[in-house]
Amino acid sequence: MNSHDTNLEITLKSLDNLQRLEVPINLKQAIKNNFNGNATIKMSTSQKLMLAASLIVLLGLNVVTMKYYFNSTNKNSNFNQDNLVYKEYFSNSIE
């Protein structure tokens, strides 16, 4: 046997005398109740109002952002993009 096998055997033998840890009865019951669907999540009225307000703000920001984006793309559509890239690329060249 090489040293790796002996280390493996020593490790496996050290596990022989171990015993399982018992789970407390209260914890078992709590876990069983959660998995049976008995646990309910209740939101207070203030939590519901805050959730609704944050959704309204988020949707409002999205609408404003889309409006700004579409207005800016309409203004920039008059430029010839190929010509702009060409000018920017050669603007730093030495003449």
Protein backbone atom coordinates (compact mmCIF):
# COMPACT_ATOMS: atom_id res chain seq x y z
CA MET A 1 0.00 0.00 0.00
CA ASN A 2 1.19 3.46 -0.73
CA SER A 3 0.80 6.42 1.62
CA HIS A 4 -2.36 7.62 -0.12
CA ASP A 5 -4.12 4.29 0.52
CA THR A 6 -3.05 4.21 4.14
CA ASN A 7 -4.33 7.77 4.67
CA LEU A 8 -7.61 6.77 3.10
CA GLU A 9 -7.93 3.71 5.36
CA ILE A 10 -7.17 5.78 8.46
CA THR A 11 -9.82 8.32 7.47
CA LEU A 12 -12.44 5.64 6.82
CA LYS A 13 -11.71 3.89 10.14
CA SER A 14 -12.10 7.17 12.01
CA LEU A 15 -15.71 7.32 10.82
CA ASP A 16 -16.63 3.93 12.30
CA ASN A 17 -17.53 5.09 15.80
CA LEU A 18 -19.56 8.13 14.83
CA GLN A 19 -23.25 8.29 15.67
CA ARG A 20 -25.99 10.27 13.99
CA LEU A 21 -27.13 13.43 15.70
CA GLU A 22 -30.80 13.44 16.65
CA VAL A 23 -32.89 16.32 15.35
CA PRO A 24 -34.92 18.10 18.06
CA ILE A 25 -38.63 17.26 17.96
CA ASN A 26 -39.64 20.94 17.70
CA LEU A 27 -37.47 21.38 14.62
CA LYS A 28 -38.91 18.24 13.01
CA GLN A 29 -42.47 19.48 13.56
CA ALA A 30 -41.66 22.94 12.20
CA ILE A 31 -40.12 21.46 9.05
CA LYS A 32 -43.04 19.10 8.54
CA ASN A 33 -45.53 21.96 8.93
CA ASN A 34 -43.68 24.06 6.36
CA PHE A 35 -43.65 21.24 3.82
CA ASN A 36 -47.30 20.41 4.35
CA GLY A 37 -48.33 23.86 3.22
CA ASN A 38 -49.50 24.95 6.66
CA ALA A 39 -47.13 27.91 6.70
CA THR A 40 -48.67 31.09 5.37
CA ILE A 41 -47.04 34.37 4.51
CA LYS A 42 -49.04 37.37 5.56
CA MET A 43 -48.30 40.86 4.29
CA SER A 44 -49.46 43.87 6.22
CA THR A 45 -51.36 46.67 4.52
CA SER A 46 -48.35 48.98 4.67
CA GLN A 47 -46.17 46.35 2.98
CA LYS A 48 -48.73 45.97 0.21
CA LEU A 49 -48.89 49.75 -0.28
CA MET A 50 -45.10 50.03 -0.41
CA LEU A 51 -44.93 47.22 -2.97
CA ALA A 52 -47.58 48.90 -5.13
CA ALA A 53 -45.82 52.27 -4.87
CA SER A 54 -42.45 50.82 -5.84
CA LEU A 55 -44.01 49.08 -8.86
CA ILE A 56 -45.64 52.33 -9.97
CA VAL A 57 -42.33 54.20 -9.64
CA LEU A 58 -40.49 51.47 -11.56
CA LEU A 59 -43.04 51.46 -14.38
CA GLY A 60 -43.00 55.27 -14.50
CA LEU A 61 -39.21 55.34 -14.80
CA ASN A 62 -39.36 52.79 -17.60
CA VAL A 63 -41.91 54.85 -19.53
CA VAL A 64 -39.87 58.04 -19.12
CA THR A 65 -36.68 56.25 -20.17
CA MET A 66 -38.31 54.76 -23.27
CA LYS A 67 -39.78 58.15 -24.22
CA TYR A 68 -36.37 59.82 -23.84
CA TYR A 69 -34.65 57.07 -25.82
CA PHE A 70 -37.06 57.21 -28.74
CA ASN A 71 -36.92 61.01 -28.87
CA SER A 72 -33.11 60.97 -28.94
CA THR A 73 -32.95 58.31 -31.67
CA ASN A 74 -35.35 60.31 -33.85
CA LYS A 75 -33.14 63.41 -33.52
CA ASN A 76 -29.96 61.45 -34.30
CA SER A 77 -31.44 59.68 -37.31
CA ASN A 78 -30.74 62.77 -39.46
CA PHE A 79 -26.98 62.21 -39.16
CA ASN A 80 -25.20 59.96 -41.57
CA GLN A 81 -23.73 57.42 -39.13
CA ASP A 82 -21.18 56.06 -41.63
CA ASN A 83 -19.84 59.52 -42.26
CA LEU A 84 -19.67 60.25 -38.52
CA VAL A 85 -17.65 57.09 -37.81
CA TYR A 86 -15.33 57.90 -40.72
CA LYS A 87 -14.72 61.44 -39.41
CA GLU A 88 -14.10 60.24 -35.86
CA TYR A 89 -11.70 57.53 -36.99
CA PHE A 90 -9.53 59.84 -39.08
CA SER A 91 -9.80 62.93 -36.88
CA ASN A 92 -6.65 62.00 -34.92
CA SER A 93 -4.50 61.14 -37.91
CA ILE A 94 -1.44 63.22 -38.73
CA GLU A 95 -1.69 65.18 -41.95
